[in-house]
N, C-alpha and C. Protein backbone atom coordinates (compact mmCIF):
# COMPACT_ATOMS: atom_id res chain seq x y z
N MET A 1 209.44 49.78 -40.80
CA MET A 1 208.09 49.38 -40.28
C MET A 1 208.16 48.74 -38.61
N LEU A 2 209.13 47.86 -38.38
CA LEU A 2 208.89 46.72 -37.31
C LEU A 2 209.61 48.50 -36.01
N ASN A 3 209.94 49.10 -36.22
CA ASN A 3 210.38 50.10 -35.54
C ASN A 3 209.31 51.49 -35.27
N GLU A 4 208.82 51.48 -36.43
CA GLU A 4 207.16 52.10 -35.95
C GLU A 4 206.03 51.42 -35.37
N LEU A 5 206.19 50.55 -35.67
CA LEU A 5 205.31 49.14 -34.15
C LEU A 5 205.70 49.32 -33.04
N TRP A 6 206.74 49.28 -32.42
CA TRP A 6 207.64 49.16 -31.29
C TRP A 6 207.08 50.87 -30.52
N MET A 7 207.08 51.74 -31.73
CA MET A 7 206.73 52.89 -31.17
C MET A 7 205.32 53.36 -30.73
N ARG A 8 204.75 52.61 -31.18
CA ARG A 8 203.04 52.61 -31.87
C ARG A 8 202.82 51.93 -30.42
N GLU A 9 203.26 50.98 -30.05
CA GLU A 9 202.69 50.23 -28.41
C GLU A 9 203.60 50.88 -27.60
N GLU A 10 205.03 51.53 -27.92
CA GLU A 10 205.20 52.12 -26.40
C GLU A 10 204.30 53.22 -26.16
N ILE A 11 203.56 54.15 -27.34
CA ILE A 11 203.08 55.07 -26.91
C ILE A 11 201.19 54.66 -25.97
N GLN A 12 201.08 53.23 -27.11
CA GLN A 12 199.48 52.95 -26.17
C GLN A 12 200.03 52.51 -24.76
N LEU A 13 201.09 51.97 -24.52
CA LEU A 13 201.18 51.67 -23.36
C LEU A 13 201.63 52.59 -22.25
N LEU A 14 202.16 53.74 -22.40
CA LEU A 14 201.96 55.41 -22.02
C LEU A 14 200.91 55.66 -21.74
N ALA A 15 199.69 56.06 -23.06
CA ALA A 15 198.85 56.03 -23.06
C ALA A 15 197.84 55.54 -21.97
N LEU A 16 197.88 54.66 -22.07
CA LEU A 16 197.13 53.23 -20.48
C LEU A 16 197.92 53.79 -19.24
N LEU A 17 199.03 53.51 -19.25
CA LEU A 17 199.76 53.96 -17.92
C LEU A 17 199.20 55.50 -17.35
N MET A 18 198.91 56.17 -17.95
CA MET A 18 198.66 57.83 -17.65
C MET A 18 196.99 57.79 -17.49
N SER A 19 196.06 57.13 -18.34
CA SER A 19 194.73 57.26 -17.82
C SER A 19 194.46 57.22 -16.81
N PRO A 20 195.51 56.58 -15.98
CA PRO A 20 194.35 56.57 -14.26
C PRO A 20 194.79 57.73 -13.63
N PHE A 21 196.19 58.63 -13.62
CA PHE A 21 196.31 59.78 -13.10
C PHE A 21 195.37 60.72 -14.26
N VAL A 22 195.10 60.85 -15.52
CA VAL A 22 194.43 62.12 -15.70
C VAL A 22 193.11 61.69 -15.38
N PHE A 23 192.39 60.29 -15.05
CA PHE A 23 190.94 60.25 -14.43
C PHE A 23 190.57 60.73 -12.88
N ILE A 24 192.17 60.78 -12.42
CA ILE A 24 192.29 61.33 -10.82
C ILE A 24 191.98 62.64 -10.87
N ALA A 25 193.13 63.48 -11.82
CA ALA A 25 193.24 64.79 -11.81
C ALA A 25 191.49 65.49 -12.43
N VAL A 26 190.59 64.74 -13.63
CA VAL A 26 189.28 65.04 -13.66
C VAL A 26 188.47 64.92 -12.45
N VAL A 27 188.78 64.11 -11.34
CA VAL A 27 187.79 63.76 -10.78
C VAL A 27 188.04 64.72 -9.60
N MET A 28 188.98 65.19 -9.72
CA MET A 28 189.74 65.94 -8.67
C MET A 28 189.37 67.65 -9.34
N LEU A 29 189.31 67.91 -10.50
CA LEU A 29 188.55 68.94 -11.12
C LEU A 29 187.28 69.05 -10.68
N LEU A 30 186.35 68.12 -11.07
CA LEU A 30 185.15 67.92 -10.19
C LEU A 30 184.68 68.42 -9.39
N PHE A 31 185.45 67.40 -8.62
CA PHE A 31 185.15 68.19 -7.15
C PHE A 31 185.29 69.67 -6.44
N TRP A 32 186.37 70.18 -7.51
CA TRP A 32 187.16 71.70 -7.20
C TRP A 32 185.93 72.77 -7.69
N LEU A 33 185.31 71.64 -8.92
CA LEU A 33 184.10 72.59 -9.54
C LEU A 33 182.87 72.81 -8.89
N ILE A 34 182.66 71.54 -8.48
CA ILE A 34 181.16 71.38 -7.70
C ILE A 34 181.31 72.50 -5.83
N GLY A 35 182.65 72.20 -5.65
CA GLY A 35 182.89 73.06 -4.18
C GLY A 35 182.43 74.61 -5.06
N ARG A 36 183.00 74.73 -6.32
CA ARG A 36 182.72 76.69 -6.07
C ARG A 36 181.60 76.85 -6.95
N LEU A 37 180.84 75.99 -7.27
CA LEU A 37 179.64 76.09 -7.91
C LEU A 37 178.74 76.17 -6.55
N ARG A 38 179.01 75.02 -5.22
CA ARG A 38 178.01 75.61 -4.25
C ARG A 38 178.60 76.78 -3.70
N PHE A 39 179.55 77.27 -3.52
CA PHE A 39 179.89 77.96 -2.87
C PHE A 39 179.58 79.20 -3.61
N ALA A 40 179.81 80.15 -5.00
CA ALA A 40 178.74 80.73 -5.68
C ALA A 40 177.36 80.77 -5.48
N GLY A 41 176.99 79.63 -5.09
CA GLY A 41 175.30 79.36 -5.11
C GLY A 41 174.51 80.24 -3.39
N GLN A 42 175.89 79.99 -2.49
CA GLN A 42 175.56 80.52 -1.26
C GLN A 42 176.34 81.72 -1.32
N ARG A 43 176.39 82.48 -1.90
CA ARG A 43 177.44 83.64 -1.78
C ARG A 43 177.01 84.82 -1.55
N GLY A 44 175.72 84.86 -2.17
CA GLY A 44 174.86 85.70 -1.53
C GLY A 44 174.30 85.06 -0.38
N ALA A 45 174.30 84.82 0.12
CA ALA A 45 174.04 84.21 1.62
C ALA A 45 174.78 84.54 2.75
N TRP A 46 176.01 84.67 2.57
CA TRP A 46 176.95 84.71 3.25
C TRP A 46 176.76 86.01 4.03
N ARG A 47 177.00 86.31 5.36
CA ARG A 47 177.13 87.49 5.51
C ARG A 47 178.30 88.11 6.26
N GLN A 48 178.30 89.33 6.49
CA GLN A 48 179.31 90.21 6.89
C GLN A 48 179.30 90.21 8.25
N THR A 49 180.98 90.54 8.76
CA THR A 49 180.76 91.05 10.22
C THR A 49 182.10 91.77 10.18
N THR A 50 182.24 92.56 11.36
CA THR A 50 183.97 93.14 10.96
C THR A 50 184.88 92.31 12.06
N GLY A 51 186.02 92.13 11.39
CA GLY A 51 187.08 91.53 12.29
C GLY A 51 187.90 92.30 12.61
N ARG A 52 189.18 91.69 13.32
CA ARG A 52 190.40 91.98 13.24
C ARG A 52 191.95 91.25 13.11
N VAL A 53 193.01 92.05 12.27
CA VAL A 53 193.56 90.91 12.29
C VAL A 53 194.94 90.83 12.73
N LEU A 54 194.96 89.40 13.40
CA LEU A 54 195.86 89.30 14.51
C LEU A 54 197.57 88.86 13.96
N ARG A 55 197.72 88.13 12.78
CA ARG A 55 198.56 88.44 12.00
C ARG A 55 198.63 88.15 10.59
N ALA A 56 199.87 87.95 9.63
CA ALA A 56 199.89 88.14 8.49
C ALA A 56 201.28 87.88 8.44
N ASP A 57 201.38 86.54 7.44
CA ASP A 57 202.53 85.86 7.62
C ASP A 57 202.89 85.32 6.06
N VAL A 58 204.01 85.22 5.81
CA VAL A 58 204.05 84.42 4.33
C VAL A 58 205.15 83.24 4.99
N MET A 59 204.17 82.46 4.27
CA MET A 59 204.39 81.04 4.06
C MET A 59 204.78 80.33 3.05
N ASP A 60 206.12 79.38 3.97
CA ASP A 60 207.10 78.66 2.20
C ASP A 60 206.37 77.30 2.51
N ASP A 61 205.49 76.89 1.27
CA ASP A 61 205.52 75.34 1.14
C ASP A 61 206.39 74.62 0.20
N GLY A 62 207.71 75.12 1.05
CA GLY A 62 209.02 73.88 0.86
C GLY A 62 209.11 73.41 -0.55
N ASP A 63 208.38 73.90 -1.46
CA ASP A 63 208.60 72.78 -2.96
C ASP A 63 208.88 74.24 -4.05
N ASN A 64 207.51 74.76 -3.94
CA ASN A 64 207.27 75.69 -5.46
C ASN A 64 207.40 77.03 -5.27
N GLY A 65 207.13 77.87 -4.00
CA GLY A 65 206.87 78.90 -3.74
C GLY A 65 206.57 79.24 -2.28
N TYR A 66 205.82 80.50 -2.82
CA TYR A 66 205.18 80.65 -0.98
C TYR A 66 203.87 81.69 -0.95
N TYR A 67 203.34 81.35 -0.35
CA TYR A 67 201.48 81.85 -0.04
C TYR A 67 201.60 82.73 1.37
N PRO A 68 200.42 83.92 1.12
CA PRO A 68 200.23 84.36 2.19
C PRO A 68 199.13 83.34 3.25
N GLN A 69 199.36 83.78 4.46
CA GLN A 69 198.70 83.59 5.61
C GLN A 69 198.11 84.23 6.61
N VAL A 70 197.31 84.76 6.35
CA VAL A 70 196.38 85.99 7.72
C VAL A 70 195.38 85.38 8.45
N VAL A 71 195.58 85.92 9.68
CA VAL A 71 194.77 85.20 10.56
C VAL A 71 193.97 86.40 11.69
N TYR A 72 193.09 85.62 10.97
CA TYR A 72 191.82 87.22 11.79
C TYR A 72 190.97 86.70 12.77
N GLU A 73 190.28 87.45 14.08
CA GLU A 73 189.24 87.39 14.56
C GLU A 73 188.21 87.53 14.13
N TYR A 74 186.93 87.39 14.42
CA TYR A 74 185.46 87.68 14.20
C TYR A 74 184.64 87.39 14.79
N MET A 75 183.14 87.72 15.38
CA MET A 75 182.52 87.68 16.58
C MET A 75 181.37 87.23 15.33
N VAL A 76 180.22 86.08 15.72
CA VAL A 76 179.14 85.72 15.26
C VAL A 76 178.20 85.58 16.26
N ASP A 77 176.95 86.28 16.55
CA ASP A 77 176.51 85.80 17.44
C ASP A 77 176.94 85.74 19.21
N GLY A 78 177.71 86.57 19.14
CA GLY A 78 178.81 86.85 20.82
C GLY A 78 179.60 85.43 20.77
N LYS A 79 180.11 85.06 19.65
CA LYS A 79 180.94 83.69 19.86
C LYS A 79 182.29 84.25 19.11
N ARG A 80 183.15 84.02 19.71
CA ARG A 80 184.64 84.81 18.48
C ARG A 80 185.26 83.22 17.99
N TYR A 81 185.25 83.08 16.25
CA TYR A 81 185.65 82.95 15.84
C TYR A 81 187.26 83.18 15.07
N GLU A 82 187.86 82.57 14.49
CA GLU A 82 189.47 82.53 14.67
C GLU A 82 189.06 82.04 13.04
N ALA A 83 190.35 82.40 11.86
CA ALA A 83 190.47 81.80 10.59
C ALA A 83 191.28 82.57 9.65
N ASP A 84 191.67 81.57 9.06
CA ASP A 84 192.79 82.05 7.92
C ASP A 84 192.87 81.97 6.36
N ARG A 85 191.49 81.90 6.23
CA ARG A 85 191.28 82.42 4.85
C ARG A 85 191.64 83.55 3.97
N MET A 86 191.65 83.35 2.80
CA MET A 86 191.79 84.62 2.71
C MET A 86 190.46 84.99 1.51
N ALA A 87 190.44 84.20 0.47
CA ALA A 87 188.94 84.04 -0.55
C ALA A 87 188.88 82.05 -0.30
N PRO A 88 187.81 82.49 -1.30
CA PRO A 88 187.61 81.42 -1.62
C PRO A 88 188.00 80.38 -2.77
N GLY A 89 188.05 79.32 -2.52
CA GLY A 89 189.03 78.34 -2.95
C GLY A 89 190.33 77.16 -2.92
N LEU A 90 191.14 77.34 -3.18
CA LEU A 90 192.48 76.37 -2.91
C LEU A 90 192.84 77.57 -2.67
N THR A 91 194.19 77.10 -1.50
CA THR A 91 195.30 77.96 -1.33
C THR A 91 196.36 77.55 -1.99
N LEU A 92 196.60 78.35 -3.33
CA LEU A 92 197.69 78.07 -4.17
C LEU A 92 198.87 78.35 -3.74
N THR A 93 200.22 78.03 -4.09
CA THR A 93 201.00 79.19 -3.93
C THR A 93 201.57 79.80 -4.98
N GLN A 94 201.42 81.07 -4.52
CA GLN A 94 201.73 82.38 -5.39
C GLN A 94 202.56 82.66 -5.86
N GLY A 95 203.76 82.33 -5.90
CA GLY A 95 205.06 83.15 -6.13
C GLY A 95 205.87 83.25 -5.66
N SER A 96 206.67 84.38 -5.52
CA SER A 96 208.15 84.67 -4.93
C SER A 96 207.40 85.31 -3.79
N ARG A 97 208.62 85.44 -2.55
CA ARG A 97 208.35 85.98 -1.11
C ARG A 97 208.10 87.45 -1.37
N ALA A 98 208.69 88.26 -2.04
CA ALA A 98 208.54 89.40 -2.73
C ALA A 98 206.58 89.92 -3.08
N ARG A 99 206.94 89.00 -3.63
CA ARG A 99 204.96 89.33 -3.98
C ARG A 99 204.14 88.93 -2.73
N ILE A 100 204.48 88.30 -2.37
CA ILE A 100 203.67 87.57 -1.19
C ILE A 100 203.39 88.69 0.25
N GLU A 101 204.94 89.49 0.06
CA GLU A 101 204.81 90.48 1.52
C GLU A 101 204.06 91.93 0.56
N GLN A 102 204.28 91.90 -0.35
CA GLN A 102 203.40 92.95 -0.93
C GLN A 102 201.68 92.84 -0.76
N GLN A 103 201.32 91.59 -0.95
CA GLN A 103 200.13 91.59 -1.17
C GLN A 103 199.82 90.98 0.82
N ILE A 104 200.16 90.96 1.50
CA ILE A 104 199.81 90.82 3.29
C ILE A 104 200.18 92.30 3.79
N GLN A 105 201.25 93.13 3.06
CA GLN A 105 201.12 94.87 3.62
C GLN A 105 199.47 94.88 4.09
N ALA A 106 198.49 94.72 2.73
CA ALA A 106 197.18 95.32 3.22
C ALA A 106 196.48 94.86 4.48
N TYR A 107 197.16 93.56 4.95
CA TYR A 107 196.57 93.21 6.31
C TYR A 107 197.45 93.13 7.64
N PRO A 108 198.13 94.80 8.09
CA PRO A 108 198.99 94.83 9.08
C PRO A 108 197.93 94.21 10.10
N PRO A 109 198.49 93.43 11.23
CA PRO A 109 198.22 93.08 12.73
C PRO A 109 197.59 94.15 13.16
N GLY A 110 195.95 94.06 14.01
CA GLY A 110 195.49 94.77 14.07
C GLY A 110 194.40 95.82 13.68
N LYS A 111 194.10 95.48 12.44
CA LYS A 111 194.01 96.09 11.43
C LYS A 111 192.41 96.15 11.39
N THR A 112 191.61 96.71 11.32
CA THR A 112 189.77 96.50 11.48
C THR A 112 189.36 95.85 9.55
N VAL A 113 189.30 94.66 9.50
CA VAL A 113 188.82 94.18 8.43
C VAL A 113 187.21 93.42 8.33
N THR A 114 187.01 93.92 7.28
CA THR A 114 185.28 92.90 6.75
C THR A 114 185.57 91.35 6.29
N VAL A 115 184.82 91.05 7.49
CA VAL A 115 184.70 89.55 6.80
C VAL A 115 183.66 89.24 6.81
N TYR A 116 183.73 87.80 5.67
CA TYR A 116 182.35 87.03 4.95
C TYR A 116 182.39 85.94 5.95
N TYR A 117 181.28 85.44 6.12
CA TYR A 117 181.18 84.04 7.21
C TYR A 117 179.92 83.32 7.04
N ASN A 118 180.00 82.52 6.01
CA ASN A 118 179.09 81.12 6.23
C ASN A 118 178.07 81.34 7.45
N PRO A 119 176.89 82.12 7.67
CA PRO A 119 175.71 81.88 8.62
C PRO A 119 175.51 80.51 9.15
N ARG A 120 175.35 79.39 8.61
CA ARG A 120 175.16 78.26 8.46
C ARG A 120 176.28 77.31 9.46
N ARG A 121 177.59 77.93 8.83
CA ARG A 121 178.86 77.59 9.68
C ARG A 121 179.56 78.83 9.76
N PRO A 122 179.15 79.64 10.83
CA PRO A 122 180.12 80.58 10.99
C PRO A 122 181.56 80.45 11.13
N SER A 123 182.24 79.31 11.57
CA SER A 123 183.83 79.31 11.27
C SER A 123 184.08 79.20 10.21
N GLN A 124 183.24 79.00 8.96
CA GLN A 124 183.97 79.18 7.59
C GLN A 124 183.95 80.62 7.40
N ALA A 125 184.74 81.42 7.14
CA ALA A 125 184.72 82.63 6.33
C ALA A 125 185.98 83.00 5.49
N VAL A 126 186.07 83.85 4.92
CA VAL A 126 187.07 84.67 3.73
C VAL A 126 186.89 86.28 3.95
N LEU A 127 188.39 86.40 3.87
CA LEU A 127 187.87 88.27 3.69
C LEU A 127 187.94 88.81 2.26
N GLU A 128 188.30 87.71 1.19
CA GLU A 128 187.68 88.63 -0.17
C GLU A 128 186.86 87.43 -0.94
N MET A 129 185.60 88.10 -1.35
CA MET A 129 184.91 86.99 -1.89
C MET A 129 185.30 86.23 -2.99
N SER A 130 185.99 86.99 -3.62
CA SER A 130 186.32 86.81 -5.21
C SER A 130 187.43 85.35 -5.06
N ALA A 131 187.79 85.20 -6.22
CA ALA A 131 188.46 84.08 -5.92
C ALA A 131 190.31 84.69 -6.34
N ARG A 132 191.22 83.55 -6.06
CA ARG A 132 192.20 84.21 -6.26
C ARG A 132 192.50 83.73 -7.96
N SER A 133 193.31 85.07 -8.50
CA SER A 133 193.31 85.30 -9.93
C SER A 133 194.27 84.21 -10.78
N ASN A 134 195.34 83.72 -9.44
CA ASN A 134 196.22 82.29 -10.39
C ASN A 134 195.03 80.90 -9.90
N GLN A 135 193.72 80.85 -10.09
CA GLN A 135 193.73 79.39 -10.38
C GLN A 135 193.25 79.38 -11.67
N GLY A 136 193.51 80.29 -12.37
CA GLY A 136 193.23 80.57 -13.46
C GLY A 136 194.47 79.03 -14.00
N CYS A 137 195.77 79.24 -13.44
CA CYS A 137 197.01 78.01 -13.85
C CYS A 137 196.52 76.84 -13.33
N LEU A 138 195.65 76.40 -12.40
CA LEU A 138 194.74 75.16 -12.00
C LEU A 138 193.99 74.53 -13.05
N TRP A 139 192.77 75.80 -13.92
CA TRP A 139 192.20 75.35 -14.62
C TRP A 139 193.15 75.15 -15.82
N GLY A 140 194.39 75.77 -16.15
CA GLY A 140 195.07 75.46 -17.60
C GLY A 140 195.51 74.39 -17.38
N ALA A 141 196.29 74.29 -16.18
CA ALA A 141 196.98 72.46 -16.11
C ALA A 141 195.94 71.24 -16.23
N LEU A 142 194.94 71.52 -15.68
CA LEU A 142 194.02 70.18 -15.02
C LEU A 142 193.29 70.68 -16.70
N LEU A 143 192.96 71.74 -17.63
CA LEU A 143 192.71 71.20 -19.12
C LEU A 143 193.73 70.65 -19.60
N ILE A 144 194.93 71.03 -19.64
CA ILE A 144 195.95 69.94 -20.52
C ILE A 144 195.74 68.69 -20.05
N LEU A 145 195.46 68.14 -18.65
CA LEU A 145 195.33 66.76 -18.04
C LEU A 145 194.74 66.22 -19.05
N LEU A 146 192.97 67.13 -19.08
CA LEU A 146 191.93 66.52 -19.88
C LEU A 146 192.13 66.54 -21.26
N ILE A 147 193.17 67.13 -21.77
CA ILE A 147 192.87 66.98 -23.36
C ILE A 147 193.98 65.50 -23.68
N VAL A 148 194.98 65.49 -22.25
CA VAL A 148 195.77 64.26 -22.67
C VAL A 148 195.36 63.35 -22.12
N GLY A 149 194.04 63.24 -21.66
CA GLY A 149 193.14 62.23 -21.43
C GLY A 149 192.23 61.38 -21.97
N ILE A 150 191.58 62.37 -22.94
CA ILE A 150 191.09 62.39 -24.18
C ILE A 150 191.86 61.85 -25.52
N PHE A 151 193.07 62.02 -25.52
CA PHE A 151 194.06 61.66 -26.30
C PHE A 151 194.18 60.17 -26.14
N SER A 152 194.40 59.89 -25.07
CA SER A 152 194.77 59.00 -24.22
C SER A 152 193.88 58.05 -24.60
N ALA A 153 192.38 58.48 -24.44
CA ALA A 153 191.56 57.37 -24.07
C ALA A 153 191.04 56.55 -25.86
N VAL A 154 191.27 57.58 -26.87
CA VAL A 154 190.95 58.11 -28.26
C VAL A 154 192.12 56.97 -29.32
N TRP A 155 193.22 56.96 -28.32
CA TRP A 155 194.43 56.58 -29.46
C TRP A 155 194.00 54.80 -28.66
N ILE A 156 193.40 54.53 -27.10
CA ILE A 156 193.61 53.25 -26.63
C ILE A 156 192.43 52.76 -27.77
N LEU A 157 190.85 53.49 -27.47
CA LEU A 157 190.19 52.58 -28.24
C LEU A 157 189.98 52.33 -29.80
N LEU A 158 191.29 53.49 -30.54
CA LEU A 158 191.54 53.68 -31.85
C LEU A 158 192.26 52.25 -32.15
N ALA A 159 193.09 51.74 -30.86
CA ALA A 159 194.38 51.06 -31.71
C ALA A 159 193.91 49.28 -31.72
N ASP A 160 194.88 48.77 -32.55
CA ASP A 160 194.25 47.46 -32.79
C ASP A 160 194.97 46.54 -31.25
N PRO A 161 193.39 46.06 -31.41
CA PRO A 161 193.47 45.45 -29.66
C PRO A 161 194.30 44.03 -29.83
N ASN A 162 195.01 43.57 -30.67
CA ASN A 162 195.71 42.12 -31.02
C ASN A 162 197.55 43.28 -30.48
N SER A 163 197.84 43.97 -31.55
CA SER A 163 198.88 44.21 -31.60
C SER A 163 198.81 45.41 -29.89
N PHE A 164 197.91 45.80 -29.51
CA PHE A 164 198.09 46.68 -28.12
C PHE A 164 197.89 45.76 -26.95
N LEU A 165 197.39 44.93 -27.00
CA LEU A 165 196.80 44.24 -25.47
C LEU A 165 198.13 42.64 -25.82
N GLN A 166 199.09 42.09 -26.83
CA GLN A 166 200.07 41.49 -26.60
C GLN A 166 200.94 41.49 -26.14
N PRO A 167 201.78 42.24 -25.32
CA PRO A 167 202.85 42.75 -24.92
C PRO A 167 202.40 42.94 -23.32
N LEU A 168 201.24 43.03 -23.08
CA LEU A 168 200.73 43.21 -21.92
C LEU A 168 200.46 41.69 -21.06
N VAL A 169 199.52 41.09 -22.15
CA VAL A 169 199.59 39.30 -21.98
C VAL A 169 200.94 38.62 -22.05
N LYS A 170 201.68 39.02 -22.84
CA LYS A 170 203.25 38.60 -23.06
C LYS A 170 203.79 38.92 -21.48
N GLY A 171 203.70 39.92 -20.41
CA GLY A 171 204.47 40.09 -19.83
C GLY A 171 205.55 41.04 -20.27
N GLY A 172 205.47 41.69 -21.28
CA GLY A 172 206.22 42.84 -21.93
C GLY A 172 207.04 42.50 -22.95
């Protein structure tokens, strides 16, 4: 019975310690979601122009894998712009080098491409109007964090305050 109480207090303490991280993840998700909704609302207002690919590289993020970087130039109202966004949303690590090399083959240097740009801020541009398919992984990870956060919050709220706060008040 004493062992069960110890485990319960450890789980409660873990839930308490995890709560700020889960809160931060949820706030980041909300900011990302608001940005995506704003983009979706403005997407119809974005205009098209033609551009030219300057270079296409496979970038190593140093930790988890590779992602494509396609640098292109385009003109809006007589002014030259340069951008490297392929699609709206976050630039996420995409996987193996071979997979990214295959993806950037569609953008050889010198190729004429359609560029979608924000008429309010012509420096904001993308080559593809649809979001990357791997952003589902981000949603999945954030959903798991949200579930853990809800579990932690419920656990804390249902806990007996005396048994839960006692180790914190006594310093461990």
